[in-house]
Amino acid sequence: MKTCFYTDTGKDFFFSHSGKPIHLMEIGSLSLESLLEEYFGAESYEWRRGDEYCDLLVSLHELPEKCVLKEFFQQVSGTDAPKILKSTQNHEILAWWRCNPSGAMDMEIVWTDAFPIRLSYYWDLINLHEKLASSFSTCFDRDAVSPLSTVSGVLEMGEGSVILPGVVIEGFVRIGSNCKIGPNCFIRGCTSIGNNCIIGQSVEIKNSLIGSGTMVPHLSYVGDSVIGSNVNIGAGGICSNFRHDAGLHRVMLDGKLVETGRQKLGALIGDDAKIGCHTIIYPGRMIAAGKTSLPGEIISANKE
């Protein structure tokens, strides 16, 4: 059974502020499509339109036993379109059903082996990457890693990349080819960094996706963010990711606040953007491809 990824318009959905369709979004050195093929196999997943699905939100204490899920779905739905059962606490998908391929009216209950995964927002990419990163395996040239650095997690690193003294790597980290990492930086969480990147002195990258050709060379923090290709983040740039009240983030899209279900969420920065020195980006803000910020600018709203 295939895993389904759904957006508003399918595979060619144009990802907000990124400047490219969803299947070409960079997850480190790979496009999303290449990453999915690597993880699932080309024949084991498919793209679908989001309007083919209808979310059903239920509280966990209201979730019926598996044996009565079919009857529950039939009671709460009035059409034969596939339905997704989610938790109201964190909007995690708990189960889904659809008509059998034969067109029969009896419903097929699918649990964790295959279910539709939304990829309509940039935080969906972070969520997906967190799930897939556990498949990373340690693979790097130890001669390219300074003995004065520390690798305590899983590290995959491409040819020509080097890790300089003082670097600390934790979690599940994938680094592309011809990158310069360090000195004295911290990379942690589920992080993928593209080819030809610089992650420099006193930089912290946490649980983020960094596209190829991007430079974060000095004194910066990037947390739970999606950064496109050929982006430059000037010295002291901050992609903040946490609310003072520790609440779940909401993101402004098309004049409406969209729930993300995430307590930690940084920025989306599109390809070729240039971020001035000491720019501070509020959590959950988006900067469109090719945009710039002034030195010392505080970005509290999306840059279209």
C-alpha atoms as a PDB file:
ATOM      1  CA  MET A   1       0.000   0.000   0.000  1.00  0.00           C
ATOM      2  CA  LYS A   2       1.338   3.433  -0.931  1.00  0.00           C
ATOM      3  CA  THR A   3       1.927   6.316   1.429  1.00  0.00           C
ATOM      4  CA  CYS A   4       0.109   9.404   0.144  1.00  0.00           C
ATOM      5  CA  PHE A   5       1.450  12.955   0.338  1.00  0.00           C
ATOM      6  CA  TYR A   6      -1.175  15.608  -0.193  1.00  0.00           C
ATOM      7  CA  THR A   7      -1.138  19.331  -0.958  1.00  0.00           C
ATOM      8  CA  ASP A   8      -3.739  21.708  -2.371  1.00  0.00           C
ATOM      9  CA  THR A   9      -2.887  20.822  -5.974  1.00  0.00           C
ATOM     10  CA  GLY A  10      -0.706  17.711  -5.770  1.00  0.00           C
ATOM     11  CA  LYS A  11       2.960  17.360  -6.691  1.00  0.00           C
ATOM     12  CA  ASP A  12       3.260  20.771  -8.401  1.00  0.00           C
ATOM     13  CA  PHE A  13       1.849  22.711  -5.450  1.00  0.00           C
ATOM     14  CA  PHE A  14       3.711  26.042  -5.319  1.00  0.00           C
ATOM     15  CA  PHE A  15       5.154  26.279  -1.827  1.00  0.00           C
ATOM     16  CA  SER A  16       4.387  29.623  -0.160  1.00  0.00           C
ATOM     17  CA  HIS A  17       7.316  32.116  -0.137  1.00  0.00           C
ATOM     18  CA  SER A  18       9.820  29.476  -1.302  1.00  0.00           C
ATOM     19  CA  GLY A  19       9.895  30.280  -5.008  1.00  0.00           C
ATOM     20  CA  LYS A  20       9.580  26.646  -6.101  1.00  0.00           C
ATOM     21  CA  PRO A  21       7.048  23.778  -6.244  1.00  0.00           C
ATOM     22  CA  ILE A  22       6.852  21.460  -3.280  1.00  0.00           C
ATOM     23  CA  HIS A  23       8.529  18.419  -4.847  1.00  0.00           C
ATOM     24  CA  LEU A  24      11.641  20.502  -5.660  1.00  0.00           C
ATOM     25  CA  MET A  25      12.028  21.944  -2.144  1.00  0.00           C
ATOM     26  CA  GLU A  26      15.526  21.226  -0.872  1.00  0.00           C
ATOM     27  CA  ILE A  27      15.940  18.956   2.119  1.00  0.00           C
ATOM     28  CA  GLY A  28      19.637  19.536   2.584  1.00  0.00           C
ATOM     29  CA  SER A  29      21.391  18.361  -0.582  1.00  0.00           C
ATOM     30  CA  LEU A  30      18.344  16.474  -1.922  1.00  0.00           C
ATOM     31  CA  SER A  31      15.068  17.622  -3.398  1.00  0.00           C
ATOM     32  CA  LEU A  32      12.008  16.487  -1.470  1.00  0.00           C
ATOM     33  CA  GLU A  33      11.163  14.134  -4.329  1.00  0.00           C
ATOM     34  CA  SER A  34      14.626  12.539  -4.191  1.00  0.00           C
ATOM     35  CA  LEU A  35      14.402  12.163  -0.411  1.00  0.00           C
ATOM     36  CA  LEU A  36      11.025  10.440  -0.662  1.00  0.00           C
ATOM     37  CA  GLU A  37      12.337   8.089  -3.334  1.00  0.00           C
ATOM     38  CA  GLU A  38      15.361   7.310  -1.143  1.00  0.00           C
ATOM     39  CA  TYR A  39      13.218   6.563   1.897  1.00  0.00           C
ATOM     40  CA  PHE A  40      10.061   5.008   0.452  1.00  0.00           C
ATOM     41  CA  GLY A  41      11.110   3.874  -3.031  1.00  0.00           C
ATOM     42  CA  ALA A  42       9.736   5.463  -6.199  1.00  0.00           C
ATOM     43  CA  GLU A  43       6.788   3.066  -6.390  1.00  0.00           C
ATOM     44  CA  SER A  44       5.784   3.224  -2.736  1.00  0.00           C
ATOM     45  CA  TYR A  45       4.380   6.733  -2.447  1.00  0.00           C
ATOM     46  CA  GLU A  46       2.108   9.032  -4.428  1.00  0.00           C
ATOM     47  CA  TRP A  47       1.001  12.664  -4.567  1.00  0.00           C
ATOM     48  CA  ARG A  48      -2.689  13.517  -4.113  1.00  0.00           C
ATOM     49  CA  ARG A  49      -4.811  16.644  -4.069  1.00  0.00           C
ATOM     50  CA  GLY A  50      -5.708  17.912  -0.617  1.00  0.00           C
ATOM     51  CA  ASP A  51      -9.362  18.403  -1.515  1.00  0.00           C
ATOM     52  CA  GLU A  52      -9.650  14.627  -1.741  1.00  0.00           C
ATOM     53  CA  TYR A  53      -9.392  14.497   2.039  1.00  0.00           C
ATOM     54  CA  CYS A  54     -11.496  15.791   4.892  1.00  0.00           C
ATOM     55  CA  ASP A  55     -10.058  16.142   8.390  1.00  0.00           C
ATOM     56  CA  LEU A  56     -11.946  14.743  11.353  1.00  0.00           C
ATOM     57  CA  LEU A  57     -10.655  16.112  14.650  1.00  0.00           C
ATOM     58  CA  VAL A  58     -11.340  14.145  17.832  1.00  0.00           C
ATOM     59  CA  SER A  59     -10.005  14.292  21.366  1.00  0.00           C
ATOM     60  CA  LEU A  60      -7.892  11.331  22.404  1.00  0.00           C
ATOM     61  CA  HIS A  61     -10.343  10.376  25.136  1.00  0.00           C
ATOM     62  CA  GLU A  62     -13.086  10.265  22.487  1.00  0.00           C
ATOM     63  CA  LEU A  63     -11.152   7.948  20.191  1.00  0.00           C
ATOM     64  CA  PRO A  64     -13.128   4.711  19.778  1.00  0.00           C
ATOM     65  CA  GLU A  65     -11.560   1.273  19.777  1.00  0.00           C
ATOM     66  CA  LYS A  66     -10.161   0.073  16.464  1.00  0.00           C
ATOM     67  CA  CYS A  67     -12.933  -2.477  16.102  1.00  0.00           C
ATOM     68  CA  VAL A  68     -15.582   0.247  15.838  1.00  0.00           C
ATOM     69  CA  LEU A  69     -13.625   2.787  13.801  1.00  0.00           C
ATOM     70  CA  LYS A  70     -15.466   1.868  10.613  1.00  0.00           C
ATOM     71  CA  GLU A  71     -18.832   2.616  12.203  1.00  0.00           C
ATOM     72  CA  PHE A  72     -17.451   5.820  13.733  1.00  0.00           C
ATOM     73  CA  PHE A  73     -16.249   7.111  10.361  1.00  0.00           C
ATOM     74  CA  GLN A  74     -19.561   6.253   8.727  1.00  0.00           C
ATOM     75  CA  GLN A  75     -21.460   8.131  11.431  1.00  0.00           C
ATOM     76  CA  VAL A  76     -19.492  11.352  11.200  1.00  0.00           C
ATOM     77  CA  SER A  77     -19.067  11.543   7.438  1.00  0.00           C
ATOM     78  CA  GLY A  78     -21.580  12.109   4.714  1.00  0.00           C
ATOM     79  CA  THR A  79     -19.475  11.367   1.641  1.00  0.00           C
ATOM     80  CA  ASP A  80     -17.260   8.622   0.300  1.00  0.00           C
ATOM     81  CA  ALA A  81     -14.166  10.839   0.151  1.00  0.00           C
ATOM     82  CA  PRO A  82     -11.192   9.684   2.246  1.00  0.00           C
ATOM     83  CA  LYS A  83     -11.213  10.937   5.806  1.00  0.00           C
ATOM     84  CA  ILE A  84      -8.362  11.599   8.204  1.00  0.00           C
ATOM     85  CA  LEU A  85      -8.769  11.060  11.940  1.00  0.00           C
ATOM     86  CA  LYS A  86      -6.612  13.494  13.942  1.00  0.00           C
ATOM     87  CA  SER A  87      -6.020  14.308  17.552  1.00  0.00           C
ATOM     88  CA  THR A  88      -7.268  17.730  18.653  1.00  0.00           C
ATOM     89  CA  GLN A  89      -4.249  18.016  20.973  1.00  0.00           C
ATOM     90  CA  ASN A  90      -1.494  18.047  18.352  1.00  0.00           C
ATOM     91  CA  HIS A  91      -3.280  17.293  15.056  1.00  0.00           C
ATOM     92  CA  GLU A  92      -1.296  14.073  14.661  1.00  0.00           C
ATOM     93  CA  ILE A  93      -2.897  11.635  12.230  1.00  0.00           C
ATOM     94  CA  LEU A  94      -4.288   8.666  14.148  1.00  0.00           C
ATOM     95  CA  ALA A  95      -5.999   6.780  11.334  1.00  0.00           C
ATOM     96  CA  TRP A  96      -7.699   7.219   7.988  1.00  0.00           C
ATOM     97  CA  TRP A  97     -10.114   5.425   5.721  1.00  0.00           C
ATOM     98  CA  ARG A  98     -10.999   5.404   2.049  1.00  0.00           C
ATOM     99  CA  CYS A  99     -13.144   3.435  -0.358  1.00  0.00           C
ATOM    100  CA  ASN A 100     -11.579   0.198  -1.483  1.00  0.00           C
ATOM    101  CA  PRO A 101      -9.974   0.418  -4.966  1.00  0.00           C
ATOM    102  CA  SER A 102     -12.795  -1.729  -6.325  1.00  0.00           C
ATOM    103  CA  GLY A 103     -15.212   1.087  -5.525  1.00  0.00           C
ATOM    104  CA  ALA A 104     -17.048  -0.991  -2.952  1.00  0.00           C
ATOM    105  CA  MET A 105     -18.766   0.978  -0.237  1.00  0.00           C
ATOM    106  CA  ASP A 106     -17.104  -0.889   2.624  1.00  0.00           C
ATOM    107  CA  MET A 107     -14.339   1.215   4.114  1.00  0.00           C
ATOM    108  CA  GLU A 108     -10.685   0.333   4.556  1.00  0.00           C
ATOM    109  CA  ILE A 109      -9.156   1.304   7.880  1.00  0.00           C
ATOM    110  CA  VAL A 110      -5.455   2.120   7.629  1.00  0.00           C
ATOM    111  CA  TRP A 111      -3.294   2.653  10.701  1.00  0.00           C
ATOM    112  CA  THR A 112       0.385   3.394  10.888  1.00  0.00           C
ATOM    113  CA  ASP A 113       1.650   1.392   7.901  1.00  0.00           C
ATOM    114  CA  ALA A 114       0.343   3.858   5.309  1.00  0.00           C
ATOM    115  CA  PHE A 115      -1.537   7.109   5.706  1.00  0.00           C
ATOM    116  CA  PRO A 116      -1.790  10.492   4.009  1.00  0.00           C
ATOM    117  CA  ILE A 117       0.788  13.071   5.046  1.00  0.00           C
ATOM    118  CA  ARG A 118       0.081  16.758   4.478  1.00  0.00           C
ATOM    119  CA  LEU A 119       2.869  18.775   2.840  1.00  0.00           C
ATOM    120  CA  SER A 120       1.181  22.134   2.379  1.00  0.00           C
ATOM    121  CA  TYR A 121       3.162  24.237   4.870  1.00  0.00           C
ATOM    122  CA  TYR A 122       6.839  24.620   5.633  1.00  0.00           C
ATOM    123  CA  TRP A 123       6.449  23.129   9.107  1.00  0.00           C
ATOM    124  CA  ASP A 124       5.096  19.989   7.415  1.00  0.00           C
ATOM    125  CA  LEU A 125       8.572  19.558   5.904  1.00  0.00           C
ATOM    126  CA  ILE A 126      10.134  19.830   9.364  1.00  0.00           C
ATOM    127  CA  ASN A 127       7.660  17.274  10.744  1.00  0.00           C
ATOM    128  CA  LEU A 128       8.370  14.874   7.886  1.00  0.00           C
ATOM    129  CA  HIS A 129      12.123  15.320   8.183  1.00  0.00           C
ATOM    130  CA  GLU A 130      11.967  14.496  11.895  1.00  0.00           C
ATOM    131  CA  LYS A 131      10.326  11.177  11.017  1.00  0.00           C
ATOM    132  CA  LEU A 132      12.734  10.303   8.183  1.00  0.00           C
ATOM    133  CA  ALA A 133      15.966  11.373   9.890  1.00  0.00           C
ATOM    134  CA  SER A 134      16.062   8.216  11.989  1.00  0.00           C
ATOM    135  CA  SER A 135      17.000   6.394   8.769  1.00  0.00           C
ATOM    136  CA  PHE A 136      20.288   8.344   8.519  1.00  0.00           C
ATOM    137  CA  SER A 137      23.414   6.244   9.053  1.00  0.00           C
ATOM    138  CA  THR A 138      26.881   7.346  10.108  1.00  0.00           C
ATOM    139  CA  CYS A 139      29.025   7.787   6.996  1.00  0.00           C
ATOM    140  CA  PHE A 140      31.869  10.300   6.736  1.00  0.00           C
ATOM    141  CA  ASP A 141      35.591  10.574   6.128  1.00  0.00           C
ATOM    142  CA  ARG A 142      37.120  10.702   9.591  1.00  0.00           C
ATOM    143  CA  ASP A 143      40.187  12.459   8.200  1.00  0.00           C
ATOM    144  CA  ALA A 144      37.874  15.366   7.321  1.00  0.00           C
ATOM    145  CA  VAL A 145      36.760  15.762  10.939  1.00  0.00           C
ATOM    146  CA  SER A 146      39.022  17.596  13.374  1.00  0.00           C
ATOM    147  CA  PRO A 147      40.009  15.549  16.434  1.00  0.00           C
ATOM    148  CA  LEU A 148      39.085  18.656  18.416  1.00  0.00           C
ATOM    149  CA  SER A 149      35.439  18.328  17.383  1.00  0.00           C
ATOM    150  CA  THR A 150      32.746  16.086  18.897  1.00  0.00           C
ATOM    151  CA  VAL A 151      30.318  13.895  16.954  1.00  0.00           C
ATOM    152  CA  SER A 152      27.962  12.207  19.403  1.00  0.00           C
ATOM    153  CA  GLY A 153      25.020  11.595  17.111  1.00  0.00           C
ATOM    154  CA  VAL A 154      24.529  10.170  13.623  1.00  0.00           C
ATOM    155  CA  LEU A 155      26.447  12.041  10.917  1.00  0.00           C
ATOM    156  CA  GLU A 156      26.299  11.561   7.148  1.00  0.00           C
ATOM    157  CA  MET A 157      28.690  13.860   5.292  1.00  0.00           C
ATOM    158  CA  GLY A 158      29.508  14.186   1.600  1.00  0.00           C
ATOM    159  CA  GLU A 159      32.819  14.272  -0.191  1.00  0.00           C
ATOM    160  CA  GLY A 160      34.963  17.373   0.203  1.00  0.00           C
ATOM    161  CA  SER A 161      33.266  18.621   3.363  1.00  0.00           C
ATOM    162  CA  VAL A 162      35.323  19.405   6.468  1.00  0.00           C
ATOM    163  CA  ILE A 163      34.555  19.820  10.152  1.00  0.00           C
ATOM    164  CA  LEU A 164      36.889  22.232  11.947  1.00  0.00           C
ATOM    165  CA  PRO A 165      37.927  22.345  15.628  1.00  0.00           C
ATOM    166  CA  GLY A 166      35.332  23.047  18.291  1.00  0.00           C
ATOM    167  CA  VAL A 167      32.330  21.750  16.333  1.00  0.00           C
ATOM    168  CA  VAL A 168      29.746  19.711  18.267  1.00  0.00           C
ATOM    169  CA  ILE A 169      27.233  17.543  16.385  1.00  0.00           C
ATOM    170  CA  GLU A 170      24.330  15.810  18.109  1.00  0.00           C
ATOM    171  CA  GLY A 171      21.174  14.083  16.881  1.00  0.00           C
ATOM    172  CA  PHE A 172      20.629  13.043  13.256  1.00  0.00           C
ATOM    173  CA  VAL A 173      22.641  15.269  10.926  1.00  0.00           C
ATOM    174  CA  ARG A 174      23.216  15.050   7.184  1.00  0.00           C
ATOM    175  CA  ILE A 175      25.760  17.379   5.526  1.00  0.00           C
ATOM    176  CA  GLY A 176      26.263  17.554   1.751  1.00  0.00           C
ATOM    177  CA  SER A 177      29.457  17.836  -0.277  1.00  0.00           C
ATOM    178  CA  ASN A 178      32.072  20.623  -0.193  1.00  0.00           C
ATOM    179  CA  CYS A 179      30.811  22.237   3.010  1.00  0.00           C
ATOM    180  CA  LYS A 180      32.871  24.020   5.628  1.00  0.00           C
ATOM    181  CA  ILE A 181      31.564  23.482   9.155  1.00  0.00           C
ATOM    182  CA  GLY A 182      33.036  25.484  12.029  1.00  0.00           C
ATOM    183  CA  PRO A 183      35.053  26.360  13.865  1.00  0.00           C
ATOM    184  CA  ASN A 184      33.201  26.313  17.178  1.00  0.00           C
ATOM    185  CA  CYS A 185      29.635  25.721  16.008  1.00  0.00           C
ATOM    186  CA  PHE A 186      26.820  23.490  17.277  1.00  0.00           C
ATOM    187  CA  ILE A 187      24.551  21.398  15.010  1.00  0.00           C
ATOM    188  CA  ARG A 188      21.811  19.368  16.639  1.00  0.00           C
ATOM    189  CA  GLY A 189      18.389  17.809  16.276  1.00  0.00           C
ATOM    190  CA  CYS A 190      17.260  16.474  12.906  1.00  0.00           C
ATOM    191  CA  THR A 191      19.209  18.737  10.568  1.00  0.00           C
ATOM    192  CA  SER A 192      20.070  18.487   6.868  1.00  0.00           C
ATOM    193  CA  ILE A 193      22.557  20.855   5.234  1.00  0.00           C
ATOM    194  CA  GLY A 194      22.988  21.047   1.446  1.00  0.00           C
ATOM    195  CA  ASN A 195      26.087  21.110  -0.743  1.00  0.00           C
ATOM    196  CA  ASN A 196      28.591  23.999  -0.796  1.00  0.00           C
ATOM    197  CA  CYS A 197      27.400  25.507   2.489  1.00  0.00           C
ATOM    198  CA  ILE A 198      29.290  27.400   5.183  1.00  0.00           C
ATOM    199  CA  ILE A 199      28.210  27.024   8.805  1.00  0.00           C
ATOM    200  CA  GLY A 200      30.764  29.120  10.639  1.00  0.00           C
ATOM    201  CA  GLN A 201      32.125  30.498  13.873  1.00  0.00           C
ATOM    202  CA  SER A 202      29.765  30.351  16.877  1.00  0.00           C
ATOM    203  CA  VAL A 203      26.714  29.358  14.806  1.00  0.00           C
ATOM    204  CA  GLU A 204      24.002  27.065  16.185  1.00  0.00           C
ATOM    205  CA  ILE A 205      21.758  25.135  13.807  1.00  0.00           C
ATOM    206  CA  LYS A 206      18.963  23.238  15.510  1.00  0.00           C
ATOM    207  CA  ASN A 207      16.487  20.883  13.802  1.00  0.00           C
ATOM    208  CA  SER A 208      16.544  22.753  10.499  1.00  0.00           C
ATOM    209  CA  LEU A 209      16.761  22.294   6.734  1.00  0.00           C
ATOM    210  CA  ILE A 210      19.469  24.318   4.958  1.00  0.00           C
ATOM    211  CA  GLY A 211      19.576  24.442   1.146  1.00  0.00           C
ATOM    212  CA  SER A 212      22.683  24.194  -1.031  1.00  0.00           C
ATOM    213  CA  GLY A 213      24.961  27.216  -1.383  1.00  0.00           C
ATOM    214  CA  THR A 214      23.632  28.838   1.791  1.00  0.00           C
ATOM    215  CA  MET A 215      25.986  30.600   4.186  1.00  0.00           C
ATOM    216  CA  VAL A 216      25.480  31.127   7.915  1.00  0.00           C
ATOM    217  CA  PRO A 217      29.063  32.175   8.609  1.00  0.00           C
ATOM    218  CA  HIS A 218      29.135  33.994  11.961  1.00  0.00           C
ATOM    219  CA  LEU A 219      27.474  34.226  15.369  1.00  0.00           C
ATOM    220  CA  SER A 220      23.942  33.181  14.342  1.00  0.00           C
ATOM    221  CA  TYR A 221      21.114  30.934  15.576  1.00  0.00           C
ATOM    222  CA  VAL A 222      18.765  29.023  13.264  1.00  0.00           C
ATOM    223  CA  GLY A 223      16.150  26.941  15.058  1.00  0.00           C
ATOM    224  CA  ASP A 224      13.411  24.733  13.561  1.00  0.00           C
ATOM    225  CA  SER A 225      13.603  26.587  10.263  1.00  0.00           C
ATOM    226  CA  VAL A 226      13.571  25.916   6.529  1.00  0.00           C
ATOM    227  CA  ILE A 227      16.241  27.926   4.710  1.00  0.00           C
ATOM    228  CA  GLY A 228      16.377  27.829   0.899  1.00  0.00           C
ATOM    229  CA  SER A 229      19.387  27.678  -1.404  1.00  0.00           C
ATOM    230  CA  ASN A 230      21.929  30.503  -1.909  1.00  0.00           C
ATOM    231  CA  VAL A 231      20.752  32.357   1.179  1.00  0.00           C
ATOM    232  CA  ASN A 232      23.165  34.488   3.201  1.00  0.00           C
ATOM    233  CA  ILE A 233      22.495  35.140   6.876  1.00  0.00           C
ATOM    234  CA  GLY A 234      24.683  37.980   8.115  1.00  0.00           C
ATOM    235  CA  ALA A 235      26.586  37.980  11.399  1.00  0.00           C
ATOM    236  CA  GLY A 236      24.350  37.780  14.442  1.00  0.00           C
ATOM    237  CA  GLY A 237      21.194  36.747  12.553  1.00  0.00           C
ATOM    238  CA  ILE A 238      18.584  35.029  14.724  1.00  0.00           C
ATOM    239  CA  CYS A 239      15.736  32.760  13.583  1.00  0.00           C
ATOM    240  CA  SER A 240      13.898  32.502  16.896  1.00  0.00           C
ATOM    241  CA  ASN A 241      11.577  29.577  17.508  1.00  0.00           C
ATOM    242  CA  PHE A 242       9.877  29.792  20.932  1.00  0.00           C
ATOM    243  CA  ARG A 243       7.038  31.801  22.450  1.00  0.00           C
ATOM    244  CA  HIS A 244       7.316  33.332  25.918  1.00  0.00           C
ATOM    245  CA  ASP A 245       4.133  31.525  26.958  1.00  0.00           C
ATOM    246  CA  ALA A 246       5.399  28.199  25.522  1.00  0.00           C
ATOM    247  CA  GLY A 247       2.239  28.000  23.429  1.00  0.00           C
ATOM    248  CA  LEU A 248       1.793  26.440  20.000  1.00  0.00           C
ATOM    249  CA  HIS A 249       2.740  28.650  17.079  1.00  0.00           C
ATOM    250  CA  ARG A 250       0.303  30.044  14.526  1.00  0.00           C
ATOM    251  CA  VAL A 251       1.430  31.365  11.140  1.00  0.00           C
ATOM    252  CA  MET A 252      -0.233  34.147   9.141  1.00  0.00           C
ATOM    253  CA  LEU A 253      -1.206  32.961   5.649  1.00  0.00           C
ATOM    254  CA  ASP A 254      -3.615  34.751   3.312  1.00  0.00           C
ATOM    255  CA  GLY A 255      -4.825  36.943   6.150  1.00  0.00           C
ATOM    256  CA  LYS A 256      -5.605  34.029   8.476  1.00  0.00           C
ATOM    257  CA  LEU A 257      -3.709  32.495  11.364  1.00  0.00           C
ATOM    258  CA  VAL A 258      -2.989  28.834  10.675  1.00  0.00           C
ATOM    259  CA  GLU A 259      -2.381  26.437  13.555  1.00  0.00           C
ATOM    260  CA  THR A 260       0.932  24.594  13.265  1.00  0.00           C
ATOM    261  CA  GLY A 261       0.706  22.213  16.216  1.00  0.00           C
ATOM    262  CA  ARG A 262       4.360  23.023  16.982  1.00  0.00           C
ATOM    263  CA  GLN A 263       5.795  24.509  20.154  1.00  0.00           C
ATOM    264  CA  LYS A 264       9.124  25.172  18.406  1.00  0.00           C
ATOM    265  CA  LEU A 265       8.978  26.805  14.960  1.00  0.00           C
ATOM    266  CA  GLY A 266      11.409  29.182  13.284  1.00  0.00           C
ATOM    267  CA  ALA A 267      11.382  30.824   9.864  1.00  0.00           C
ATOM    268  CA  LEU A 268      10.925  29.941   6.221  1.00  0.00           C
ATOM    269  CA  ILE A 269      13.476  31.830   4.119  1.00  0.00           C
ATOM    270  CA  GLY A 270      13.160  31.462   0.346  1.00  0.00           C
ATOM    271  CA  ASP A 271      15.981  30.968  -2.161  1.00  0.00           C
ATOM    272  CA  ASP A 272      18.478  33.805  -2.750  1.00  0.00           C
ATOM    273  CA  ALA A 273      17.302  35.875   0.229  1.00  0.00           C
ATOM    274  CA  LYS A 274      19.915  38.026   1.964  1.00  0.00           C
ATOM    275  CA  ILE A 275      19.539  38.605   5.699  1.00  0.00           C
ATOM    276  CA  GLY A 276      21.394  41.615   7.122  1.00  0.00           C
ATOM    277  CA  CYS A 277      23.658  41.491  10.159  1.00  0.00           C
ATOM    278  CA  HIS A 278      21.852  41.288  13.527  1.00  0.00           C
ATOM    279  CA  THR A 279      18.461  40.684  11.928  1.00  0.00           C
ATOM    280  CA  ILE A 280      16.010  39.070  14.358  1.00  0.00           C
ATOM    281  CA  ILE A 281      13.208  37.026  12.814  1.00  0.00           C
ATOM    282  CA  TYR A 282      10.168  36.305  14.982  1.00  0.00           C
ATOM    283  CA  PRO A 283       9.017  32.665  15.199  1.00  0.00           C
ATOM    284  CA  GLY A 284       6.801  31.447  12.379  1.00  0.00           C
ATOM    285  CA  ARG A 285       7.639  34.234   9.911  1.00  0.00           C
ATOM    286  CA  MET A 286       8.281  33.766   6.206  1.00  0.00           C
ATOM    287  CA  ILE A 287      10.663  35.657   3.942  1.00  0.00           C
ATOM    288  CA  ALA A 288       9.995  35.269   0.233  1.00  0.00           C
ATOM    289  CA  ALA A 289      12.637  34.222  -2.275  1.00  0.00           C
ATOM    290  CA  GLY A 290      15.041  37.019  -3.208  1.00  0.00           C
ATOM    291  CA  LYS A 291      14.020  39.365  -0.387  1.00  0.00           C
ATOM    292  CA  THR A 292      16.472  41.191   1.873  1.00  0.00           C
ATOM    293  CA  SER A 293      16.575  42.647   5.356  1.00  0.00           C
ATOM    294  CA  LEU A 294      18.457  45.652   6.672  1.00  0.00           C
ATOM    295  CA  PRO A 295      21.135  45.306   9.358  1.00  0.00           C
ATOM    296  CA  GLY A 296      19.478  45.219  12.759  1.00  0.00           C
ATOM    297  CA  GLU A 297      15.981  44.757  11.313  1.00  0.00           C
ATOM    298  CA  ILE A 298      13.348  43.034  13.441  1.00  0.00           C
ATOM    299  CA  ILE A 299      11.060  40.943  11.247  1.00  0.00           C
ATOM    300  CA  SER A 300       7.727  40.608  12.998  1.00  0.00           C
ATOM    301  CA  ALA A 301       5.601  40.002   9.884  1.00  0.00           C
ATOM    302  CA  ASN A 302       6.050  38.004   6.696  1.00  0.00           C
ATOM    303  CA  LYS A 303       8.138  39.581   3.913  1.00  0.00           C
ATOM    304  CA  GLU A 304       6.198  39.001   0.713  1.00  0.00           C
END
